[in-house]
Amino acid sequence: MRPISENLNCGLQSSIDMSSFFKKRVATFEHGIHPDYHKETGSLPIQRLPFAPKLYVPLSQHVGKPAIAIVRVGQEVLRGEVIAKADGMFSLPIHAPATGIVEAILPVPSDSGAMEMAIIIRVYQADGQEIRVRNPQNLDGLTGVALAMIMQQIGVAGKGGAVFPTHAKLIPPNGCVIDTLIVNGSECEPFLTCDHRIMVERAQHIMTGIDFARRVCGAPRAIIGVEDNKPDAIAALTAALPGDGSVTVKVVETKYPQGAAETLTYTLLGREVPVGKRSSSIGVVMNNVMTMAYVGKLLPLGEGMTERVVTVAGPAVDRPGNYIVPLGTPLHFLLDSVGAKSRAKEVILGGPMMGIAIASLDTPVTKGVCGVLAFGKKDDTEQRTYPCIHCGKCVKACPKKLNPTQMGMLAAKREYELMADQFFLAECFECGCCSYVCPSHIPLVQQFRVAKSFLKDRKTAA
């Protein structure tokens, strides 16, 4: 095989030869699917999106308690300034994404469809919008909880979809010893390539973030899992690896949902997370590559998270790509900037398999938005659903080895308790493989979401 720099023109030293990776058996898991990936934006460099005239900055952009606003209407705020403080350990502060004036604090649409409180900032359009407020600290020698508390101040949440506060995720529960930090670079969802570009363009930030993460969780090693359809990312990461061998890159098969936490853990380590347990119970903590990149970039500077890289793609987008987007940017402005606003009839946040179709283009970009996909007018003919023919395709596809056929029939009869008690409904992470392969077009994953929501509401009311 020719050196990677000749094959991909990625600017790396010609001595880096990828043949050693692909001669080995590529790691994978059982079941799963191979959808059409549409990864064309993976070859496009990251660009910066302009600042919208107004930013709608939600107080809740992470799992846990929403932040508490500490600014008032009419107050001038500087880019990088804390405008909402964390409400406890499982919360994160919010930093001003732009310099401007606080115009209002009121509810705005969210990706869930509910209205959530947000700080509305009228942006100074003539301002250079450099980061104006930082809080650098001495990080030398800090480990564990002490380093995690400083990490909390920069406001980074997981970029892989779960949006769990990064500092809290890295602290091992009592009694758990972490031996491996897994860094998820799979990005198996169709259309999404923001992680891909981060690995290519910001590999050194990823390595710095991994070092901080290992110091918090105590893991002696880290493994970066990358699908084999990203050779330029593999090359960039390999060139940036520390010389002590504590961090390695492992190539995994391109297959959906390779990037699911439990799936990738099994692929890389051969370990299964026990039912009802977390990965920390088997000595593992996992973080997304973009999460590590932002920790590595922001923590040494004491700089809060004010923006993120987002894949903007889909048939209705004139200028698809990966864009640096200020947090709080409304979707109507983003779509207008890439030439998609007039043609977008359906907009999905995230990927097409697990993403959410949004109801309002006033919904803002938040810390957990990895993709914005715009699709044009659908066929007016509704896709008809047929009875289950017991073909078993959903069973063969399910990465958790559940029985979607039986669960679907129980869901149709609203036997939700039976689904949970005997068919492990809680183990379903709603990847959508079952719905994707079903020849009868049964909306299985939607049925499972309804069942989970029903059981959750009943438990809350009890």
Protein backbone atom coordinates (compact mmCIF):
# COMPACT_ATOMS: atom_id res chain seq x y z
CA MET A 1 0.00 0.00 0.00
CA ARG A 2 1.25 3.50 -0.78
CA PRO A 3 1.85 5.89 2.13
CA ILE A 4 -1.29 7.57 3.43
CA SER A 5 -0.08 11.05 2.47
CA GLU A 6 0.02 10.01 -1.18
CA ASN A 7 -3.37 8.33 -1.09
CA LEU A 8 -5.22 11.04 0.80
CA ASN A 9 -3.11 14.19 0.47
CA CYS A 10 -3.56 14.78 4.19
CA GLY A 11 -0.19 16.42 4.71
CA LEU A 12 1.28 13.74 7.01
CA GLN A 13 4.74 12.29 6.78
CA SER A 14 5.02 9.70 4.03
CA SER A 15 6.50 7.24 6.52
CA ILE A 16 3.03 6.62 7.99
CA ASP A 17 1.83 3.47 6.26
CA MET A 18 -1.71 2.25 6.87
CA SER A 19 -1.12 -1.30 5.62
CA SER A 20 -0.36 -2.49 9.16
CA PHE A 21 -3.86 -1.47 10.23
CA PHE A 22 -5.77 -3.15 7.48
CA LYS A 23 -3.74 -6.37 7.41
CA LYS A 24 -5.18 -7.07 10.84
CA ARG A 25 -8.69 -8.38 11.32
CA VAL A 26 -10.96 -5.38 11.79
CA ALA A 27 -12.77 -5.48 15.12
CA THR A 28 -16.57 -5.67 15.09
CA PHE A 29 -19.69 -6.90 16.88
CA GLU A 30 -22.55 -9.26 16.05
CA HIS A 31 -25.69 -8.14 14.20
CA GLY A 32 -26.17 -4.50 13.15
CA ILE A 33 -26.82 -3.09 9.68
CA HIS A 34 -25.10 -1.26 6.81
CA PRO A 35 -27.28 1.70 5.78
CA ASP A 36 -26.38 4.13 3.00
CA TYR A 37 -23.91 6.41 4.75
CA HIS A 38 -23.83 9.65 2.69
CA LYS A 39 -20.52 10.78 4.24
CA GLU A 40 -19.52 13.20 1.47
CA THR A 41 -18.94 16.07 3.92
CA GLY A 42 -16.14 14.08 5.55
CA SER A 43 -13.72 15.43 2.96
CA LEU A 44 -14.64 19.09 3.55
CA PRO A 45 -12.63 21.24 6.00
CA ILE A 46 -14.42 22.78 8.96
CA GLN A 47 -15.78 26.28 8.30
CA ARG A 48 -17.13 28.98 10.62
CA LEU A 49 -20.79 30.03 10.51
CA PRO A 50 -21.57 33.75 10.94
CA PHE A 51 -23.14 34.99 14.17
CA ALA A 52 -26.91 35.28 14.10
CA PRO A 53 -28.42 38.67 15.09
CA LYS A 54 -29.93 36.98 18.16
CA LEU A 55 -28.84 33.89 20.06
CA TYR A 56 -31.31 31.79 22.08
CA VAL A 57 -29.18 30.18 24.79
CA PRO A 58 -31.08 27.51 26.78
CA LEU A 59 -30.29 27.04 30.46
CA SER A 60 -30.59 23.28 30.02
CA GLN A 61 -28.05 21.93 27.54
CA HIS A 62 -27.01 18.81 29.42
CA VAL A 63 -28.30 15.88 31.45
CA GLY A 64 -28.92 17.03 35.03
CA LYS A 65 -30.16 20.24 36.60
CA PRO A 66 -30.44 23.31 34.32
CA ALA A 67 -28.06 26.17 34.96
CA ILE A 68 -29.26 29.19 36.95
CA ALA A 69 -29.26 32.53 35.11
CA ILE A 70 -27.08 35.18 36.78
CA VAL A 71 -27.63 38.01 34.29
CA ARG A 72 -30.51 40.44 33.96
CA VAL A 73 -32.38 41.90 31.01
CA GLY A 74 -30.51 44.88 29.57
CA GLN A 75 -27.11 43.71 30.83
CA GLU A 76 -24.13 43.70 28.48
CA VAL A 77 -22.34 40.37 28.32
CA LEU A 78 -18.92 39.52 26.91
CA ARG A 79 -18.17 36.43 24.87
CA GLY A 80 -16.94 33.71 27.23
CA GLU A 81 -18.52 35.27 30.33
CA VAL A 82 -20.54 33.00 32.63
CA ILE A 83 -24.19 33.96 32.21
CA ALA A 84 -25.70 31.02 34.11
CA LYS A 85 -24.08 29.11 36.97
CA ALA A 86 -24.11 25.35 37.54
CA ASP A 87 -26.73 24.08 39.98
CA GLY A 88 -24.76 21.38 41.76
CA MET A 89 -22.46 18.54 40.75
CA PHE A 90 -24.63 17.27 37.87
CA SER A 91 -25.01 20.62 36.19
CA LEU A 92 -22.91 22.89 34.00
CA PRO A 93 -22.44 26.64 33.66
CA ILE A 94 -23.46 28.44 30.49
CA HIS A 95 -21.09 30.94 28.86
CA ALA A 96 -22.07 33.81 26.59
CA PRO A 97 -21.60 32.61 22.98
CA ALA A 98 -21.25 36.20 21.79
CA THR A 99 -20.74 39.73 23.04
CA GLY A 100 -24.02 41.61 23.14
CA ILE A 101 -27.01 42.66 25.25
CA VAL A 102 -29.36 40.37 27.20
CA GLU A 103 -32.66 41.13 25.52
CA ALA A 104 -34.90 38.71 27.43
CA ILE A 105 -35.01 35.55 29.54
CA LEU A 106 -37.96 33.48 28.41
CA PRO A 107 -38.99 30.02 27.11
CA VAL A 108 -37.91 28.95 23.61
CA PRO A 109 -38.62 25.75 21.62
CA SER A 110 -36.35 22.78 22.32
CA ASP A 111 -35.57 19.62 20.35
CA SER A 112 -38.05 17.71 22.52
CA GLY A 113 -40.86 20.03 21.46
CA ALA A 114 -41.20 21.47 24.96
CA MET A 115 -40.48 25.10 25.79
CA GLU A 116 -37.36 25.66 27.90
CA MET A 117 -36.01 28.79 29.56
CA ALA A 118 -33.28 30.58 27.62
CA ILE A 119 -31.24 33.76 27.73
CA ILE A 120 -31.80 35.81 24.57
CA ILE A 121 -28.70 37.76 23.50
CA ARG A 122 -28.82 40.51 20.89
CA VAL A 123 -25.41 40.18 19.27
CA TYR A 124 -23.18 43.17 18.57
CA GLN A 125 -22.80 42.65 14.84
CA ALA A 126 -19.84 45.05 14.52
CA ASP A 127 -17.87 43.34 17.30
CA GLY A 128 -14.90 41.12 16.47
CA GLN A 129 -16.39 38.42 18.74
CA GLU A 130 -13.10 37.22 20.16
CA ILE A 131 -13.25 35.41 23.51
CA ARG A 132 -13.19 38.23 26.07
CA VAL A 133 -13.35 36.32 29.37
CA ARG A 134 -11.13 33.41 30.46
CA ASN A 135 -10.25 31.86 33.82
CA PRO A 136 -6.95 29.97 33.39
CA GLN A 137 -5.71 27.96 36.39
CA ASN A 138 -2.66 25.92 37.29
CA LEU A 139 -3.48 22.31 36.36
CA ASP A 140 -0.07 20.83 37.12
CA GLY A 141 -0.28 17.83 39.40
CA LEU A 142 -4.06 17.94 39.72
CA THR A 143 -5.91 14.62 39.43
CA GLY A 144 -9.26 13.13 40.31
CA VAL A 145 -12.05 15.25 41.74
CA ALA A 146 -9.87 18.38 42.02
CA LEU A 147 -9.22 18.42 38.27
CA ALA A 148 -12.85 17.48 37.55
CA MET A 149 -14.13 20.51 39.47
CA ILE A 150 -12.02 22.81 37.30
CA MET A 151 -13.20 20.89 34.23
CA GLN A 152 -16.80 21.60 35.25
CA GLN A 153 -16.13 25.33 34.96
CA ILE A 154 -15.60 25.17 31.19
CA GLY A 155 -19.08 23.67 30.73
CA VAL A 156 -18.27 20.76 28.41
CA ALA A 157 -20.96 18.09 28.02
CA GLY A 158 -20.74 14.87 26.02
CA LYS A 159 -20.81 15.53 22.28
CA GLY A 160 -21.87 12.03 21.29
CA GLY A 161 -25.57 12.54 22.00
CA ALA A 162 -26.06 11.75 25.71
CA VAL A 163 -24.92 15.27 26.77
CA PHE A 164 -23.81 14.02 30.19
CA PRO A 165 -21.60 16.54 32.07
CA THR A 166 -18.09 15.41 31.16
CA HIS A 167 -16.50 16.07 34.54
CA ALA A 168 -19.14 13.98 36.35
CA LYS A 169 -18.93 11.11 33.87
CA LEU A 170 -15.18 10.83 34.36
CA ILE A 171 -15.26 10.51 38.17
CA PRO A 172 -15.42 6.77 38.97
CA PRO A 173 -18.24 5.66 41.28
CA ASN A 174 -17.18 4.43 44.71
CA GLY A 175 -15.68 0.97 44.48
CA CYS A 176 -15.03 1.11 40.73
CA VAL A 177 -11.51 1.03 39.32
CA ILE A 178 -11.22 2.28 35.73
CA ASP A 179 -8.58 0.50 33.66
CA THR A 180 -9.53 1.80 30.19
CA LEU A 181 -10.73 5.10 28.77
CA ILE A 182 -12.46 4.42 25.46
CA VAL A 183 -12.60 7.37 23.07
CA ASN A 184 -15.40 6.95 20.57
CA GLY A 185 -14.46 8.00 17.05
CA SER A 186 -16.82 5.62 15.26
CA GLU A 187 -19.44 8.15 14.12
CA CYS A 188 -21.58 5.41 12.59
CA GLU A 189 -24.71 7.49 11.88
CA PRO A 190 -25.34 8.28 8.20
CA PHE A 191 -24.58 11.87 7.06
CA LEU A 192 -22.67 12.85 10.23
CA THR A 193 -18.97 13.69 9.77
CA CYS A 194 -18.20 16.35 12.39
CA ASP A 195 -16.26 13.85 14.53
CA HIS A 196 -14.37 12.74 11.42
CA ARG A 197 -13.20 16.28 10.69
CA ILE A 198 -12.32 16.90 14.35
CA MET A 199 -10.07 13.82 14.26
CA VAL A 200 -8.39 15.00 11.06
CA GLU A 201 -7.98 18.67 12.02
CA ARG A 202 -7.68 18.65 15.82
CA ALA A 203 -5.89 15.43 16.70
CA GLN A 204 -3.54 17.14 19.14
CA HIS A 205 -6.45 18.67 21.06
CA ILE A 206 -7.92 15.17 21.34
CA MET A 207 -4.67 13.84 22.82
CA THR A 208 -4.52 16.69 25.32
CA GLY A 209 -8.14 16.05 26.32
CA ILE A 210 -7.41 12.33 26.74
CA ASP A 211 -4.55 13.16 29.09
CA PHE A 212 -6.83 15.28 31.28
CA ALA A 213 -9.59 12.65 31.18
CA ARG A 214 -7.21 9.87 32.21
CA ARG A 215 -5.98 11.99 35.11
CA VAL A 216 -9.57 12.37 36.36
CA CYS A 217 -10.74 8.76 35.93
CA GLY A 218 -7.40 7.12 36.74
CA ALA A 219 -7.27 4.96 33.61
CA PRO A 220 -3.72 3.80 32.78
CA ARG A 221 -4.59 3.48 29.08
CA ALA A 222 -6.90 4.88 26.42
CA ILE A 223 -8.12 3.28 23.19
CA ILE A 224 -9.52 5.36 20.34
CA GLY A 225 -11.97 3.34 18.23
CA VAL A 226 -12.31 4.57 14.62
CA GLU A 227 -14.30 2.97 11.81
CA ASP A 228 -12.30 1.80 8.81
CA ASN A 229 -14.02 4.25 6.44
CA LYS A 230 -11.95 7.11 7.96
CA PRO A 231 -8.31 6.34 7.00
CA ASP A 232 -7.31 10.02 7.08
CA ALA A 233 -8.60 10.31 10.66
CA ILE A 234 -6.74 7.13 11.63
CA ALA A 235 -3.55 8.55 10.14
CA ALA A 236 -3.92 11.93 11.86
CA LEU A 237 -4.57 10.37 15.26
CA THR A 238 -1.72 7.90 14.87
CA ALA A 239 0.70 10.71 14.07
CA ALA A 240 -0.35 12.55 17.26
CA LEU A 241 -0.14 9.58 19.68
CA PRO A 242 2.08 10.02 22.73
CA GLY A 243 5.30 8.06 22.63
CA ASP A 244 4.73 6.10 25.84
CA GLY A 245 2.11 3.76 24.31
CA SER A 246 -0.58 4.76 26.81
CA VAL A 247 -2.96 5.75 23.99
CA THR A 248 -3.65 3.54 20.98
CA VAL A 249 -5.85 3.66 17.89
CA LYS A 250 -7.92 0.59 17.03
CA VAL A 251 -9.67 0.24 13.68
CA VAL A 252 -13.22 -1.15 13.82
CA GLU A 253 -15.63 -2.24 11.11
CA THR A 254 -17.87 0.35 9.52
CA LYS A 255 -21.25 -0.89 10.71
CA TYR A 256 -24.23 0.67 12.44
CA PRO A 257 -24.50 1.07 15.46
CA GLN A 258 -20.77 0.59 16.04
CA GLY A 259 -20.64 3.89 17.94
CA ALA A 260 -23.14 2.87 20.63
CA ALA A 261 -21.36 2.80 23.98
CA GLU A 262 -21.94 -0.84 24.89
CA THR A 263 -21.39 -1.99 21.31
CA LEU A 264 -18.02 -0.27 20.98
CA THR A 265 -16.96 -1.50 24.42
CA TYR A 266 -17.60 -5.09 23.30
CA THR A 267 -15.87 -4.50 19.95
CA LEU A 268 -12.71 -3.09 21.51
CA LEU A 269 -12.44 -5.10 24.73
CA GLY A 270 -14.75 -8.10 24.41
CA ARG A 271 -16.50 -7.02 27.61
CA GLU A 272 -20.27 -6.85 28.09
CA VAL A 273 -21.91 -4.39 30.44
CA PRO A 274 -24.20 -6.31 32.82
CA VAL A 275 -27.93 -5.60 32.57
CA GLY A 276 -28.81 -2.56 34.64
CA LYS A 277 -25.17 -1.58 35.19
CA ARG A 278 -22.91 1.13 33.78
CA SER A 279 -19.66 0.63 31.93
CA SER A 280 -17.74 1.73 35.04
CA SER A 281 -18.74 -1.59 36.62
CA ILE A 282 -16.42 -3.34 34.14
CA GLY A 283 -13.62 -0.81 34.43
CA VAL A 284 -14.48 1.38 31.45
CA VAL A 285 -15.29 5.05 30.88
CA MET A 286 -16.20 6.23 27.38
CA ASN A 287 -16.08 9.69 25.86
CA ASN A 288 -16.60 11.00 22.36
CA VAL A 289 -13.63 12.29 20.33
CA MET A 290 -15.15 15.76 20.04
CA THR A 291 -15.69 15.89 23.79
CA MET A 292 -12.00 15.15 24.25
CA ALA A 293 -11.06 17.76 21.64
CA TYR A 294 -12.98 20.52 23.42
CA VAL A 295 -11.61 19.52 26.84
CA GLY A 296 -8.11 19.56 25.36
CA LYS A 297 -8.61 22.95 23.74
CA LEU A 298 -10.57 24.82 26.42
CA LEU A 299 -9.28 23.52 29.76
CA PRO A 300 -5.69 24.81 29.48
CA LEU A 301 -7.05 28.24 28.52
CA GLY A 302 -9.74 28.35 31.20
CA GLU A 303 -12.16 29.11 28.40
CA GLY A 304 -15.87 28.27 28.51
CA MET A 305 -17.69 26.38 25.77
CA THR A 306 -19.35 28.89 23.44
CA GLU A 307 -19.60 26.97 20.15
CA ARG A 308 -19.35 23.52 18.61
CA VAL A 309 -18.77 21.84 15.25
CA VAL A 310 -21.98 20.64 13.60
CA THR A 311 -22.56 18.64 10.42
CA VAL A 312 -25.13 20.39 8.22
CA ALA A 313 -26.23 18.11 5.39
CA GLY A 314 -29.13 16.48 3.59
CA PRO A 315 -30.74 16.70 0.13
CA ALA A 316 -32.19 20.16 0.80
CA VAL A 317 -28.82 21.75 1.73
CA ASP A 318 -27.03 23.74 -1.00
CA ARG A 319 -23.74 24.07 0.90
CA PRO A 320 -23.36 21.01 3.11
CA GLY A 321 -20.38 20.79 5.39
CA ASN A 322 -19.11 20.92 8.95
CA TYR A 323 -19.54 24.32 10.57
CA ILE A 324 -18.40 25.95 13.81
CA VAL A 325 -21.75 27.16 15.15
CA PRO A 326 -22.22 29.52 18.13
CA LEU A 327 -24.41 27.89 20.78
CA GLY A 328 -27.89 29.37 20.72
CA THR A 329 -27.94 29.87 16.95
CA PRO A 330 -31.57 29.38 15.79
CA LEU A 331 -32.02 26.75 13.11
CA HIS A 332 -33.72 29.15 10.71
CA PHE A 333 -30.55 31.27 10.61
CA LEU A 334 -28.29 28.23 10.22
CA LEU A 335 -30.37 26.78 7.38
CA ASP A 336 -30.59 30.15 5.66
CA SER A 337 -26.79 30.47 5.85
CA VAL A 338 -26.30 27.16 4.00
CA GLY A 339 -29.06 27.76 1.45
CA ALA A 340 -31.59 25.31 2.85
CA LYS A 341 -34.27 27.33 4.62
CA SER A 342 -36.69 27.66 1.68
CA ARG A 343 -36.43 24.00 0.62
CA ALA A 344 -36.32 22.27 3.99
CA LYS A 345 -39.58 20.47 4.71
CA GLU A 346 -38.24 18.18 7.42
CA VAL A 347 -35.32 18.99 9.71
CA ILE A 348 -33.66 16.42 11.95
CA LEU A 349 -31.29 17.13 14.81
CA GLY A 350 -28.67 14.39 14.93
CA GLY A 351 -28.47 11.51 12.49
CA PRO A 352 -31.34 9.95 10.55
CA MET A 353 -31.34 6.74 12.63
CA MET A 354 -31.59 8.19 16.14
CA GLY A 355 -32.16 11.89 15.52
CA ILE A 356 -35.27 13.92 16.31
CA ALA A 357 -37.47 15.73 13.78
CA ILE A 358 -38.01 19.23 15.13
CA ALA A 359 -41.27 21.16 15.09
CA SER A 360 -39.92 24.73 15.05
CA LEU A 361 -37.03 26.39 13.22
CA ASP A 362 -36.70 28.70 16.23
CA THR A 363 -35.10 25.75 18.04
CA PRO A 364 -31.48 26.68 18.84
CA VAL A 365 -28.26 24.72 18.46
CA THR A 366 -27.09 23.43 21.84
CA LYS A 367 -24.09 21.52 23.18
CA GLY A 368 -25.55 18.16 22.18
CA VAL A 369 -26.45 18.96 18.56
CA CYS A 370 -23.99 17.05 16.36
CA GLY A 371 -25.94 17.33 13.12
CA VAL A 372 -28.67 19.30 11.36
CA LEU A 373 -30.14 17.39 8.42
CA ALA A 374 -32.58 19.05 6.02
CA PHE A 375 -34.81 17.09 3.68
CA GLY A 376 -37.12 18.30 0.94
CA LYS A 377 -40.76 17.51 0.25
CA LYS A 378 -41.69 13.91 0.89
CA ASP A 379 -43.74 11.71 -1.34
CA ASP A 380 -47.40 12.43 -0.60
CA THR A 381 -48.14 8.72 -0.50
CA GLU A 382 -47.97 7.44 3.06
CA GLN A 383 -45.89 4.32 3.60
CA ARG A 384 -48.33 1.59 4.49
CA THR A 385 -47.73 -0.62 7.52
CA TYR A 386 -48.41 -4.34 7.15
CA PRO A 387 -48.78 -7.10 9.77
CA CYS A 388 -45.60 -8.76 11.01
CA ILE A 389 -44.63 -11.71 8.78
CA HIS A 390 -42.21 -13.16 11.38
CA CYS A 391 -39.27 -12.99 8.99
CA GLY A 392 -36.82 -12.50 11.84
CA LYS A 393 -34.88 -9.67 10.17
CA CYS A 394 -35.28 -7.40 13.19
CA VAL A 395 -33.98 -10.13 15.50
CA LYS A 396 -30.91 -10.63 13.29
CA ALA A 397 -30.27 -6.88 13.17
CA CYS A 398 -30.68 -6.01 16.86
CA PRO A 399 -27.22 -5.33 18.37
CA LYS A 400 -28.58 -6.02 21.86
CA LYS A 401 -29.92 -9.44 20.77
CA LEU A 402 -33.45 -8.58 21.87
CA ASN A 403 -36.66 -9.84 20.26
CA PRO A 404 -38.19 -6.79 18.54
CA THR A 405 -40.88 -8.98 16.90
CA GLN A 406 -42.32 -10.10 20.20
CA MET A 407 -41.87 -6.69 21.78
CA GLY A 408 -43.68 -5.07 18.86
CA MET A 409 -46.67 -7.36 19.22
CA LEU A 410 -46.80 -6.65 22.96
CA ALA A 411 -46.53 -2.91 22.31
CA ALA A 412 -49.49 -3.08 19.93
CA LYS A 413 -51.52 -4.57 22.80
CA ARG A 414 -50.08 -2.06 25.30
CA GLU A 415 -48.51 -4.82 27.36
CA TYR A 416 -45.77 -2.47 28.42
CA GLU A 417 -45.09 -4.07 31.81
CA LEU A 418 -44.55 -7.45 30.16
CA MET A 419 -42.14 -5.86 27.68
CA ALA A 420 -40.10 -4.51 30.58
CA ASP A 421 -40.27 -7.52 32.88
CA GLN A 422 -39.68 -10.37 30.43
CA PHE A 423 -38.23 -8.86 27.25
CA PHE A 424 -35.68 -6.34 28.63
CA LEU A 425 -37.25 -3.20 27.18
CA ALA A 426 -34.84 -1.02 29.17
CA GLU A 427 -31.88 -2.58 27.31
CA CYS A 428 -33.13 -1.17 23.99
CA PHE A 429 -31.20 2.03 23.22
CA GLU A 430 -33.48 2.90 20.27
CA CYS A 431 -30.87 2.57 17.53
CA GLY A 432 -33.59 1.99 14.93
CA CYS A 433 -32.05 -1.12 13.32
CA CYS A 434 -35.30 -3.06 13.73
CA SER A 435 -37.44 -0.41 12.05
CA TYR A 436 -34.87 0.02 9.26
CA VAL A 437 -34.94 -3.65 8.20
CA CYS A 438 -38.65 -4.37 8.76
CA PRO A 439 -40.28 -5.26 5.39
CA SER A 440 -43.71 -4.55 6.89
CA HIS A 441 -42.66 -0.99 7.80
CA ILE A 442 -43.72 -1.45 11.42
CA PRO A 443 -42.49 1.54 13.47
CA LEU A 444 -40.94 -0.69 16.11
CA VAL A 445 -38.57 1.79 17.70
CA GLN A 446 -41.34 4.37 17.98
CA GLN A 447 -43.49 1.78 19.75
CA PHE A 448 -40.67 1.07 22.18
CA ARG A 449 -40.26 4.78 22.91
CA VAL A 450 -43.96 5.05 23.71
CA ALA A 451 -43.72 2.05 26.02
CA LYS A 452 -40.73 3.53 27.86
CA SER A 453 -42.41 6.90 28.18
CA PHE A 454 -45.57 5.31 29.58
CA LEU A 455 -43.66 3.32 32.19
CA LYS A 456 -41.55 6.34 33.15
CA ASP A 457 -44.61 8.57 33.60
CA ARG A 458 -46.35 5.91 35.68
CA LYS A 459 -43.30 5.51 37.92
CA THR A 460 -43.08 9.28 38.37
CA ALA A 461 -46.75 9.51 39.29
CA ALA A 462 -46.53 6.67 41.80
